Amino acid sequence: MNLNVLSAKPVITGGTESLTAALGSSASMACEAVGYPQPEISWYKRHGNMPRDYTVDNGMLEIPRLYPGDQGTYVCQAQNDFGQNEKDYYYLSVGGIVNSIFSVVLILF
């Protein structure tokens, strides 16, 4: 009788590579990974702090309101019992102002 145990270090297979979003808007970046057991995905910012408010759900990094300091390179890290892998080509560019906020300001004047 043979017992075969399958295991695999995580491999990041896809996701959002870059994203441009307006100041004050929300942003989402996806990261997908395979491995056995299924890897857990976490995120960190290459230089600087993570945004003030963010969540990670099923590999998706979600930032509900963007500030200028949120711009930069984000790293997706996949980890399971047999190792970890990371990819850091996720770049978030923040600029401009959300049109709906600008419209509200114009209506007030």
PDB file of N, CA and C in Angstrom:
ATOM      1  N   MET A   1       0.833  -1.169   0.000  1.00  0.00           N
ATOM      2  CA  MET A   1       0.000   0.000   0.000  1.00  0.00           C
ATOM      3  C   MET A   1       0.884   1.240   0.000  1.00  0.00           C
ATOM      4  N   ASN A   2       0.601   2.153  -0.902  1.00  0.00           N
ATOM      5  CA  ASN A   2       1.349   3.396  -1.003  1.00  0.00           C
ATOM      6  C   ASN A   2       0.478   4.563  -0.574  1.00  0.00           C
ATOM      7  N   LEU A   3       1.107   5.514   0.073  1.00  0.00           N
ATOM      8  CA  LEU A   3       0.421   6.735   0.453  1.00  0.00           C
ATOM      9  C   LEU A   3       1.079   7.879  -0.298  1.00  0.00           C
ATOM     10  N   ASN A   4       0.328   8.515  -1.172  1.00  0.00           N
ATOM     11  CA  ASN A   4       0.838   9.662  -1.925  1.00  0.00           C
ATOM     12  C   ASN A   4       0.267  10.931  -1.322  1.00  0.00           C
ATOM     13  N   VAL A   5       1.152  11.829  -0.954  1.00  0.00           N
ATOM     14  CA  VAL A   5       0.726  13.101  -0.413  1.00  0.00           C
ATOM     15  C   VAL A   5       1.117  14.168  -1.431  1.00  0.00           C
ATOM     16  N   LEU A   6       0.125  14.862  -1.904  1.00  0.00           N
ATOM     17  CA  LEU A   6       0.374  15.915  -2.875  1.00  0.00           C
ATOM     18  C   LEU A   6       0.494  17.248  -2.157  1.00  0.00           C
ATOM     19  N   SER A   7       1.529  17.977  -2.505  1.00  0.00           N
ATOM     20  CA  SER A   7       1.705  19.302  -1.932  1.00  0.00           C
ATOM     21  C   SER A   7       2.382  20.177  -2.968  1.00  0.00           C
ATOM     22  N   ALA A   8       2.123  21.434  -2.882  1.00  0.00           N
ATOM     23  CA  ALA A   8       2.740  22.343  -3.835  1.00  0.00           C
ATOM     24  C   ALA A   8       2.866  23.731  -3.227  1.00  0.00           C
ATOM     25  N   LYS A   9       4.052  24.273  -3.387  1.00  0.00           N
ATOM     26  CA  LYS A   9       4.304  25.654  -2.996  1.00  0.00           C
ATOM     27  C   LYS A   9       3.414  26.557  -3.863  1.00  0.00           C
ATOM     28  N   PRO A  10       2.934  27.680  -3.328  1.00  0.00           N
ATOM     29  CA  PRO A  10       2.048  28.560  -4.095  1.00  0.00           C
ATOM     30  C   PRO A  10       2.702  29.129  -5.354  1.00  0.00           C
ATOM     31  N   VAL A  11       1.894  29.270  -6.372  1.00  0.00           N
ATOM     32  CA  VAL A  11       2.292  29.929  -7.612  1.00  0.00           C
ATOM     33  C   VAL A  11       1.227  30.986  -7.905  1.00  0.00           C
ATOM     34  N   ILE A  12       1.652  32.223  -8.103  1.00  0.00           N
ATOM     35  CA  ILE A  12       0.714  33.292  -8.433  1.00  0.00           C
ATOM     36  C   ILE A  12       0.435  33.216  -9.924  1.00  0.00           C
ATOM     37  N   THR A  13      -0.839  33.069 -10.260  1.00  0.00           N
ATOM     38  CA  THR A  13      -1.226  32.797 -11.644  1.00  0.00           C
ATOM     39  C   THR A  13      -1.824  33.986 -12.370  1.00  0.00           C
ATOM     40  N   GLY A  14      -2.193  35.018 -11.670  1.00  0.00           N
ATOM     41  CA  GLY A  14      -2.789  36.159 -12.360  1.00  0.00           C
ATOM     42  C   GLY A  14      -3.289  37.198 -11.402  1.00  0.00           C
ATOM     43  N   GLY A  15      -3.906  38.217 -11.987  1.00  0.00           N
ATOM     44  CA  GLY A  15      -4.470  39.292 -11.191  1.00  0.00           C
ATOM     45  C   GLY A  15      -4.349  40.620 -11.904  1.00  0.00           C
ATOM     46  N   THR A  16      -4.639  41.679 -11.187  1.00  0.00           N
ATOM     47  CA  THR A  16      -4.575  43.037 -11.721  1.00  0.00           C
ATOM     48  C   THR A  16      -3.115  43.488 -11.747  1.00  0.00           C
ATOM     49  N   GLU A  17      -2.622  43.906 -12.905  1.00  0.00           N
ATOM     50  CA  GLU A  17      -1.222  44.319 -12.980  1.00  0.00           C
ATOM     51  C   GLU A  17      -1.017  45.788 -12.669  1.00  0.00           C
ATOM     52  N   SER A  18      -1.915  46.640 -13.116  1.00  0.00           N
ATOM     53  CA  SER A  18      -1.823  48.057 -12.781  1.00  0.00           C
ATOM     54  C   SER A  18      -3.212  48.662 -12.837  1.00  0.00           C
ATOM     55  N   LEU A  19      -3.369  49.755 -12.124  1.00  0.00           N
ATOM     56  CA  LEU A  19      -4.675  50.368 -11.996  1.00  0.00           C
ATOM     57  C   LEU A  19      -4.492  51.861 -11.794  1.00  0.00           C
ATOM     58  N   THR A  20      -5.313  52.648 -12.481  1.00  0.00           N
ATOM     59  CA  THR A  20      -5.344  54.082 -12.272  1.00  0.00           C
ATOM     60  C   THR A  20      -6.728  54.434 -11.752  1.00  0.00           C
ATOM     61  N   ALA A  21      -6.785  55.157 -10.654  1.00  0.00           N
ATOM     62  CA  ALA A  21      -8.067  55.520 -10.050  1.00  0.00           C
ATOM     63  C   ALA A  21      -8.003  56.954  -9.542  1.00  0.00           C
ATOM     64  N   ALA A  22      -9.169  57.587  -9.468  1.00  0.00           N
ATOM     65  CA  ALA A  22      -9.249  58.982  -9.042  1.00  0.00           C
ATOM     66  C   ALA A  22      -9.137  59.110  -7.527  1.00  0.00           C
ATOM     67  N   LEU A  23      -8.580  60.210  -7.114  1.00  0.00           N
ATOM     68  CA  LEU A  23      -8.480  60.556  -5.700  1.00  0.00           C
ATOM     69  C   LEU A  23      -9.877  60.550  -5.090  1.00  0.00           C
ATOM     70  N   GLY A  24     -10.053  59.874  -3.965  1.00  0.00           N
ATOM     71  CA  GLY A  24     -11.350  59.797  -3.298  1.00  0.00           C
ATOM     72  C   GLY A  24     -12.224  58.650  -3.747  1.00  0.00           C
ATOM     73  N   SER A  25     -11.855  58.001  -4.846  1.00  0.00           N
ATOM     74  CA  SER A  25     -12.646  56.859  -5.318  1.00  0.00           C
ATOM     75  C   SER A  25     -12.159  55.583  -4.638  1.00  0.00           C
ATOM     76  N   SER A  26     -12.747  54.464  -5.001  1.00  0.00           N
ATOM     77  CA  SER A  26     -12.311  53.180  -4.458  1.00  0.00           C
ATOM     78  C   SER A  26     -11.459  52.460  -5.503  1.00  0.00           C
ATOM     79  N   ALA A  27     -10.700  51.478  -5.050  1.00  0.00           N
ATOM     80  CA  ALA A  27      -9.867  50.693  -5.952  1.00  0.00           C
ATOM     81  C   ALA A  27      -9.849  49.239  -5.487  1.00  0.00           C
ATOM     82  N   SER A  28      -9.777  48.339  -6.456  1.00  0.00           N
ATOM     83  CA  SER A  28      -9.679  46.900  -6.167  1.00  0.00           C
ATOM     84  C   SER A  28      -8.600  46.295  -7.046  1.00  0.00           C
ATOM     85  N   MET A  29      -7.756  45.471  -6.441  1.00  0.00           N
ATOM     86  CA  MET A  29      -6.728  44.749  -7.185  1.00  0.00           C
ATOM     87  C   MET A  29      -6.831  43.274  -6.835  1.00  0.00           C
ATOM     88  N   ALA A  30      -6.844  42.433  -7.861  1.00  0.00           N
ATOM     89  CA  ALA A  30      -7.003  40.997  -7.661  1.00  0.00           C
ATOM     90  C   ALA A  30      -5.664  40.285  -7.732  1.00  0.00           C
ATOM     91  N   CYS A  31      -5.564  39.198  -6.981  1.00  0.00           N
ATOM     92  CA  CYS A  31      -4.400  38.329  -7.029  1.00  0.00           C
ATOM     93  C   CYS A  31      -4.909  36.892  -6.950  1.00  0.00           C
ATOM     94  N   GLU A  32      -4.449  36.056  -7.875  1.00  0.00           N
ATOM     95  CA  GLU A  32      -4.867  34.657  -7.904  1.00  0.00           C
ATOM     96  C   GLU A  32      -3.652  33.760  -7.745  1.00  0.00           C
ATOM     97  N   ALA A  33      -3.811  32.710  -6.956  1.00  0.00           N
ATOM     98  CA  ALA A  33      -2.706  31.791  -6.726  1.00  0.00           C
ATOM     99  C   ALA A  33      -3.229  30.363  -6.615  1.00  0.00           C
ATOM    100  N   VAL A  34      -2.385  29.416  -6.995  1.00  0.00           N
ATOM    101  CA  VAL A  34      -2.714  28.002  -6.852  1.00  0.00           C
ATOM    102  C   VAL A  34      -1.637  27.341  -6.007  1.00  0.00           C
ATOM    103  N   GLY A  35      -1.980  26.209  -5.426  1.00  0.00           N
ATOM    104  CA  GLY A  35      -1.071  25.436  -4.587  1.00  0.00           C
ATOM    105  C   GLY A  35      -1.905  24.497  -3.746  1.00  0.00           C
ATOM    106  N   TYR A  36      -1.238  23.564  -3.095  1.00  0.00           N
ATOM    107  CA  TYR A  36      -1.964  22.660  -2.209  1.00  0.00           C
ATOM    108  C   TYR A  36      -1.183  22.520  -0.917  1.00  0.00           C
ATOM    109  N   PRO A  37      -1.787  22.825   0.214  1.00  0.00           N
ATOM    110  CA  PRO A  37      -3.155  23.329   0.361  1.00  0.00           C
ATOM    111  C   PRO A  37      -3.308  24.715  -0.267  1.00  0.00           C
ATOM    112  N   GLN A  38      -4.557  25.104  -0.500  1.00  0.00           N
ATOM    113  CA  GLN A  38      -4.860  26.392  -1.127  1.00  0.00           C
ATOM    114  C   GLN A  38      -4.149  27.507  -0.372  1.00  0.00           C
ATOM    115  N   PRO A  39      -3.388  28.337  -1.069  1.00  0.00           N
ATOM    116  CA  PRO A  39      -2.644  29.411  -0.396  1.00  0.00           C
ATOM    117  C   PRO A  39      -3.542  30.514   0.146  1.00  0.00           C
ATOM    118  N   GLU A  40      -3.088  31.120   1.233  1.00  0.00           N
ATOM    119  CA  GLU A  40      -3.716  32.330   1.757  1.00  0.00           C
ATOM    120  C   GLU A  40      -3.010  33.510   1.117  1.00  0.00           C
ATOM    121  N   ILE A  41      -3.792  34.514   0.747  1.00  0.00           N
ATOM    122  CA  ILE A  41      -3.221  35.682   0.080  1.00  0.00           C
ATOM    123  C   ILE A  41      -3.265  36.883   1.013  1.00  0.00           C
ATOM    124  N   SER A  42      -2.139  37.584   1.075  1.00  0.00           N
ATOM    125  CA  SER A  42      -2.067  38.833   1.823  1.00  0.00           C
ATOM    126  C   SER A  42      -1.390  39.870   0.923  1.00  0.00           C
ATOM    127  N   TRP A  43      -1.485  41.120   1.309  1.00  0.00           N
ATOM    128  CA  TRP A  43      -0.924  42.213   0.526  1.00  0.00           C
ATOM    129  C   TRP A  43      -0.094  43.119   1.425  1.00  0.00           C
ATOM    130  N   TYR A  44       0.939  43.723   0.850  1.00  0.00           N
ATOM    131  CA  TYR A  44       1.640  44.807   1.520  1.00  0.00           C
ATOM    132  C   TYR A  44       2.158  45.777   0.466  1.00  0.00           C
ATOM    133  N   LYS A  45       2.473  46.977   0.897  1.00  0.00           N
ATOM    134  CA  LYS A  45       2.959  48.016  -0.008  1.00  0.00           C
ATOM    135  C   LYS A  45       4.478  47.970  -0.018  1.00  0.00           C
ATOM    136  N   ARG A  46       5.071  48.014  -1.211  1.00  0.00           N
ATOM    137  CA  ARG A  46       6.531  47.883  -1.344  1.00  0.00           C
ATOM    138  C   ARG A  46       7.265  48.984  -0.566  1.00  0.00           C
ATOM    139  N   HIS A  47       6.886  50.222  -0.724  1.00  0.00           N
ATOM    140  CA  HIS A  47       7.520  51.333   0.001  1.00  0.00           C
ATOM    141  C   HIS A  47       6.414  52.151   0.651  1.00  0.00           C
ATOM    142  N   GLY A  48       6.467  52.286   1.943  1.00  0.00           N
ATOM    143  CA  GLY A  48       5.450  53.069   2.640  1.00  0.00           C
ATOM    144  C   GLY A  48       4.436  52.183   3.334  1.00  0.00           C
ATOM    145  N   ASN A  49       3.426  52.843   3.864  1.00  0.00           N
ATOM    146  CA  ASN A  49       2.405  52.146   4.642  1.00  0.00           C
ATOM    147  C   ASN A  49       1.230  51.740   3.768  1.00  0.00           C
ATOM    148  N   MET A  50       0.548  50.711   4.227  1.00  0.00           N
ATOM    149  CA  MET A  50      -0.691  50.310   3.573  1.00  0.00           C
ATOM    150  C   MET A  50      -1.709  51.442   3.757  1.00  0.00           C
ATOM    151  N   PRO A  51      -2.733  51.482   2.894  1.00  0.00           N
ATOM    152  CA  PRO A  51      -3.767  52.521   3.020  1.00  0.00           C
ATOM    153  C   PRO A  51      -4.399  52.539   4.410  1.00  0.00           C
ATOM    154  N   ARG A  52      -5.024  53.653   4.739  1.00  0.00           N
ATOM    155  CA  ARG A  52      -5.651  53.832   6.050  1.00  0.00           C
ATOM    156  C   ARG A  52      -6.727  52.786   6.306  1.00  0.00           C
ATOM    157  N   ASP A  53      -7.470  52.459   5.263  1.00  0.00           N
ATOM    158  CA  ASP A  53      -8.584  51.518   5.397  1.00  0.00           C
ATOM    159  C   ASP A  53      -8.562  50.593   4.186  1.00  0.00           C
ATOM    160  N   TYR A  54      -8.413  49.303   4.412  1.00  0.00           N
ATOM    161  CA  TYR A  54      -8.422  48.350   3.313  1.00  0.00           C
ATOM    162  C   TYR A  54      -8.898  47.001   3.819  1.00  0.00           C
ATOM    163  N   THR A  55      -9.322  46.140   2.885  1.00  0.00           N
ATOM    164  CA  THR A  55      -9.689  44.772   3.218  1.00  0.00           C
ATOM    165  C   THR A  55      -9.093  43.849   2.169  1.00  0.00           C
ATOM    166  N   VAL A  56      -8.911  42.597   2.549  1.00  0.00           N
ATOM    167  CA  VAL A  56      -8.492  41.557   1.620  1.00  0.00           C
ATOM    168  C   VAL A  56      -9.509  40.439   1.739  1.00  0.00           C
ATOM    169  N   ASP A  57     -10.153  40.126   0.620  1.00  0.00           N
ATOM    170  CA  ASP A  57     -11.177  39.091   0.602  1.00  0.00           C
ATOM    171  C   ASP A  57     -10.984  38.234  -0.645  1.00  0.00           C
ATOM    172  N   ASN A  58     -10.731  36.944  -0.450  1.00  0.00           N
ATOM    173  CA  ASN A  58     -10.495  36.018  -1.569  1.00  0.00           C
ATOM    174  C   ASN A  58      -9.424  36.525  -2.521  1.00  0.00           C
ATOM    175  N   GLY A  59      -8.350  37.076  -1.982  1.00  0.00           N
ATOM    176  CA  GLY A  59      -7.239  37.550  -2.794  1.00  0.00           C
ATOM    177  C   GLY A  59      -7.405  38.950  -3.351  1.00  0.00           C
ATOM    178  N   MET A  60      -8.553  39.558  -3.135  1.00  0.00           N
ATOM    179  CA  MET A  60      -8.840  40.886  -3.670  1.00  0.00           C
ATOM    180  C   MET A  60      -8.518  41.949  -2.629  1.00  0.00           C
ATOM    181  N   LEU A  61      -7.611  42.868  -2.985  1.00  0.00           N
ATOM    182  CA  LEU A  61      -7.305  44.015  -2.134  1.00  0.00           C
ATOM    183  C   LEU A  61      -8.292  45.117  -2.492  1.00  0.00           C
ATOM    184  N   GLU A  62      -9.036  45.592  -1.499  1.00  0.00           N
ATOM    185  CA  GLU A  62     -10.025  46.637  -1.741  1.00  0.00           C
ATOM    186  C   GLU A  62      -9.723  47.834  -0.848  1.00  0.00           C
ATOM    187  N   ILE A  63      -9.635  48.998  -1.487  1.00  0.00           N
ATOM    188  CA  ILE A  63      -9.389  50.256  -0.784  1.00  0.00           C
ATOM    189  C   ILE A  63     -10.609  51.135  -1.045  1.00  0.00           C
ATOM    190  N   PRO A  64     -11.408  51.431  -0.016  1.00  0.00           N
ATOM    191  CA  PRO A  64     -12.664  52.137  -0.236  1.00  0.00           C
ATOM    192  C   PRO A  64     -12.538  53.619  -0.592  1.00  0.00           C
ATOM    193  N   ARG A  65     -11.461  54.269  -0.169  1.00  0.00           N
ATOM    194  CA  ARG A  65     -11.282  55.697  -0.477  1.00  0.00           C
ATOM    195  C   ARG A  65      -9.794  55.976  -0.642  1.00  0.00           C
ATOM    196  N   LEU A  66      -9.411  56.440  -1.828  1.00  0.00           N
ATOM    197  CA  LEU A  66      -8.003  56.648  -2.142  1.00  0.00           C
ATOM    198  C   LEU A  66      -7.506  58.024  -1.726  1.00  0.00           C
ATOM    199  N   TYR A  67      -6.313  58.029  -1.152  1.00  0.00           N
ATOM    200  CA  TYR A  67      -5.590  59.233  -0.785  1.00  0.00           C
ATOM    201  C   TYR A  67      -4.306  59.278  -1.622  1.00  0.00           C
ATOM    202  N   PRO A  68      -3.669  60.438  -1.765  1.00  0.00           N
ATOM    203  CA  PRO A  68      -2.449  60.516  -2.578  1.00  0.00           C
ATOM    204  C   PRO A  68      -1.360  59.525  -2.148  1.00  0.00           C
ATOM    205  N   GLY A  69      -1.206  59.300  -0.862  1.00  0.00           N
ATOM    206  CA  GLY A  69      -0.173  58.387  -0.365  1.00  0.00           C
ATOM    207  C   GLY A  69      -0.427  56.920  -0.672  1.00  0.00           C
ATOM    208  N   ASP A  70      -1.614  56.601  -1.190  1.00  0.00           N
ATOM    209  CA  ASP A  70      -1.922  55.210  -1.528  1.00  0.00           C
ATOM    210  C   ASP A  70      -1.280  54.783  -2.844  1.00  0.00           C
ATOM    211  N   GLN A  71      -0.812  55.756  -3.629  1.00  0.00           N
ATOM    212  CA  GLN A  71      -0.160  55.423  -4.894  1.00  0.00           C
ATOM    213  C   GLN A  71       1.126  54.664  -4.634  1.00  0.00           C
ATOM    214  N   GLY A  72       1.407  53.672  -5.469  1.00  0.00           N
ATOM    215  CA  GLY A  72       2.650  52.939  -5.339  1.00  0.00           C
ATOM    216  C   GLY A  72       2.524  51.496  -5.770  1.00  0.00           C
ATOM    217  N   THR A  73       3.559  50.729  -5.472  1.00  0.00           N
ATOM    218  CA  THR A  73       3.628  49.321  -5.846  1.00  0.00           C
ATOM    219  C   THR A  73       3.162  48.458  -4.684  1.00  0.00           C
ATOM    220  N   TYR A  74       2.229  47.573  -4.976  1.00  0.00           N
ATOM    221  CA  TYR A  74       1.685  46.651  -3.975  1.00  0.00           C
ATOM    222  C   TYR A  74       2.162  45.240  -4.293  1.00  0.00           C
ATOM    223  N   VAL A  75       2.377  44.472  -3.236  1.00  0.00           N
ATOM    224  CA  VAL A  75       2.890  43.120  -3.379  1.00  0.00           C
ATOM    225  C   VAL A  75       1.832  42.124  -2.917  1.00  0.00           C
ATOM    226  N   CYS A  76       1.544  41.175  -3.780  1.00  0.00           N
ATOM    227  CA  CYS A  76       0.652  40.071  -3.441  1.00  0.00           C
ATOM    228  C   CYS A  76       1.533  38.932  -2.932  1.00  0.00           C
ATOM    229  N   GLN A  77       1.189  38.398  -1.773  1.00  0.00           N
ATOM    230  CA  GLN A  77       1.957  37.309  -1.183  1.00  0.00           C
ATOM    231  C   GLN A  77       1.024  36.120  -0.956  1.00  0.00           C
ATOM    232  N   ALA A  78       1.373  34.990  -1.551  1.00  0.00           N
ATOM    233  CA  ALA A  78       0.602  33.756  -1.385  1.00  0.00           C
ATOM    234  C   ALA A  78       1.426  32.801  -0.531  1.00  0.00           C
ATOM    235  N   GLN A  79       0.781  32.209   0.478  1.00  0.00           N
ATOM    236  CA  GLN A  79       1.518  31.358   1.406  1.00  0.00           C
ATOM    237  C   GLN A  79       0.674  30.155   1.814  1.00  0.00           C
ATOM    238  N   ASN A  80       1.328  28.986   1.874  1.00  0.00           N
ATOM    239  CA  ASN A  80       0.698  27.795   2.451  1.00  0.00           C
ATOM    240  C   ASN A  80       1.754  27.068   3.282  1.00  0.00           C
ATOM    241  N   ASP A  81       1.452  25.858   3.705  1.00  0.00           N
ATOM    242  CA  ASP A  81       2.360  25.108   4.577  1.00  0.00           C
ATOM    243  C   ASP A  81       3.698  24.768   3.920  1.00  0.00           C
ATOM    244  N   PHE A  82       3.777  24.859   2.592  1.00  0.00           N
ATOM    245  CA  PHE A  82       4.988  24.428   1.886  1.00  0.00           C
ATOM    246  C   PHE A  82       5.812  25.575   1.327  1.00  0.00           C
ATOM    247  N   GLY A  83       5.407  26.792   1.631  1.00  0.00           N
ATOM    248  CA  GLY A  83       6.223  27.924   1.198  1.00  0.00           C
ATOM    249  C   GLY A  83       5.395  29.144   0.848  1.00  0.00           C
ATOM    250  N   GLN A  84       6.077  30.101   0.244  1.00  0.00           N
ATOM    251  CA  GLN A  84       5.402  31.312  -0.154  1.00  0.00           C
ATOM    252  C   GLN A  84       5.959  31.802  -1.484  1.00  0.00           C
ATOM    253  N   ASN A  85       5.190  32.653  -2.117  1.00  0.00           N
ATOM    254  CA  ASN A  85       5.577  33.268  -3.373  1.00  0.00           C
ATOM    255  C   ASN A  85       4.982  34.666  -3.367  1.00  0.00           C
ATOM    256  N   GLU A  86       5.641  35.593  -4.025  1.00  0.00           N
ATOM    257  CA  GLU A  86       5.072  36.929  -4.093  1.00  0.00           C
ATOM    258  C   GLU A  86       5.354  37.560  -5.444  1.00  0.00           C
ATOM    259  N   LYS A  87       4.510  38.506  -5.777  1.00  0.00           N
ATOM    260  CA  LYS A  87       4.637  39.223  -7.037  1.00  0.00           C
ATOM    261  C   LYS A  87       4.389  40.692  -6.747  1.00  0.00           C
ATOM    262  N   ASP A  88       5.266  41.565  -7.259  1.00  0.00           N
ATOM    263  CA  ASP A  88       5.140  42.976  -6.910  1.00  0.00           C
ATOM    264  C   ASP A  88       5.002  43.900  -8.111  1.00  0.00           C
ATOM    265  N   TYR A  89       4.361  43.443  -9.152  1.00  0.00           N
ATOM    266  CA  TYR A  89       4.158  44.343 -10.279  1.00  0.00           C
ATOM    267  C   TYR A  89       2.771  44.983 -10.273  1.00  0.00           C
ATOM    268  N   TYR A  90       2.118  45.000  -9.148  1.00  0.00           N
ATOM    269  CA  TYR A  90       0.804  45.629  -9.021  1.00  0.00           C
ATOM    270  C   TYR A  90       1.012  47.100  -8.689  1.00  0.00           C
ATOM    271  N   TYR A  91       0.765  47.993  -9.645  1.00  0.00           N
ATOM    272  CA  TYR A  91       1.000  49.411  -9.415  1.00  0.00           C
ATOM    273  C   TYR A  91      -0.326  50.166  -9.413  1.00  0.00           C
ATOM    274  N   LEU A  92      -0.537  50.936  -8.366  1.00  0.00           N
ATOM    275  CA  LEU A  92      -1.731  51.761  -8.228  1.00  0.00           C
ATOM    276  C   LEU A  92      -1.344  53.216  -8.417  1.00  0.00           C
ATOM    277  N   SER A  93      -1.945  53.851  -9.415  1.00  0.00           N
ATOM    278  CA  SER A  93      -1.727  55.262  -9.685  1.00  0.00           C
ATOM    279  C   SER A  93      -2.966  56.030  -9.235  1.00  0.00           C
ATOM    280  N   VAL A  94      -2.773  57.050  -8.406  1.00  0.00           N
ATOM    281  CA  VAL A  94      -3.888  57.837  -7.873  1.00  0.00           C
ATOM    282  C   VAL A  94      -3.765  59.253  -8.408  1.00  0.00           C
ATOM    283  N   GLY A  95      -4.849  59.755  -8.987  1.00  0.00           N
ATOM    284  CA  GLY A  95      -4.804  61.123  -9.505  1.00  0.00           C
ATOM    285  C   GLY A  95      -6.186  61.653  -9.805  1.00  0.00           C
ATOM    286  N   GLY A  96      -6.287  62.963  -9.945  1.00  0.00           N
ATOM    287  CA  GLY A  96      -7.557  63.582 -10.282  1.00  0.00           C
ATOM    288  C   GLY A  96      -8.527  63.569  -9.118  1.00  0.00           C
ATOM    289  N   ILE A  97      -9.732  64.006  -9.374  1.00  0.00           N
ATOM    290  CA  ILE A  97     -10.788  64.042  -8.373  1.00  0.00           C
ATOM    291  C   ILE A  97     -11.994  63.321  -8.946  1.00  0.00           C
ATOM    292  N   VAL A  98     -12.709  62.628  -8.112  1.00  0.00           N
ATOM    293  CA  VAL A  98     -13.906  61.912  -8.548  1.00  0.00           C
ATOM    294  C   VAL A  98     -14.916  62.922  -9.082  1.00  0.00           C
ATOM    295  N   ASN A  99     -15.447  62.668 -10.279  1.00  0.00           N
ATOM    296  CA  ASN A  99     -16.383  63.598 -10.921  1.00  0.00           C
ATOM    297  C   ASN A  99     -17.618  63.869 -10.075  1.00  0.00           C
ATOM    298  N   SER A 100     -18.146  62.877  -9.388  1.00  0.00           N
ATOM    299  CA  SER A 100     -19.366  63.083  -8.603  1.00  0.00           C
ATOM    300  C   SER A 100     -19.121  64.052  -7.450  1.00  0.00           C
ATOM    301  N   ILE A 101     -17.951  64.030  -6.865  1.00  0.00           N
ATOM    302  CA  ILE A 101     -17.630  64.978  -5.787  1.00  0.00           C
ATOM    303  C   ILE A 101     -17.543  66.379  -6.380  1.00  0.00           C
ATOM    304  N   PHE A 102     -16.915  66.510  -7.536  1.00  0.00           N
ATOM    305  CA  PHE A 102     -16.793  67.797  -8.200  1.00  0.00           C
ATOM    306  C   PHE A 102     -18.166  68.344  -8.551  1.00  0.00           C
ATOM    307  N   SER A 103     -19.089  67.517  -9.020  1.00  0.00           N
ATOM    308  CA  SER A 103     -20.443  67.933  -9.366  1.00  0.00           C
ATOM    309  C   SER A 103     -21.187  68.447  -8.147  1.00  0.00           C
ATOM    310  N   VAL A 104     -21.039  67.787  -7.014  1.00  0.00           N
ATOM    311  CA  VAL A 104     -21.713  68.207  -5.789  1.00  0.00           C
ATOM    312  C   VAL A 104     -21.213  69.582  -5.382  1.00  0.00           C
ATOM    313  N   VAL A 105     -19.935  69.826  -5.483  1.00  0.00           N
ATOM    314  CA  VAL A 105     -19.367  71.116  -5.132  1.00  0.00           C
ATOM    315  C   VAL A 105     -19.936  72.201  -6.046  1.00  0.00           C
ATOM    316  N   LEU A 106     -20.061  71.938  -7.342  1.00  0.00           N
ATOM    317  CA  LEU A 106     -20.605  72.916  -8.275  1.00  0.00           C
ATOM    318  C   LEU A 106     -22.065  73.233  -7.965  1.00  0.00           C
ATOM    319  N   ILE A 107     -22.845  72.258  -7.582  1.00  0.00           N
ATOM    320  CA  ILE A 107     -24.252  72.473  -7.259  1.00  0.00           C
ATOM    321  C   ILE A 107     -24.398  73.379  -6.038  1.00  0.00           C
ATOM    322  N   LEU A 108     -23.496  73.242  -5.078  1.00  0.00           N
ATOM    323  CA  LEU A 108     -23.567  74.059  -3.862  1.00  0.00           C
ATOM    324  C   LEU A 108     -23.305  75.524  -4.132  1.00  0.00           C
ATOM    325  N   PHE A 109     -22.592  75.837  -5.191  1.00  0.00           N
ATOM    326  CA  PHE A 109     -22.274  77.227  -5.495  1.00  0.00           C
ATOM    327  C   PHE A 109     -23.260  77.705  -6.497  1.00  0.00           C
TER     328      PHE A 109
END
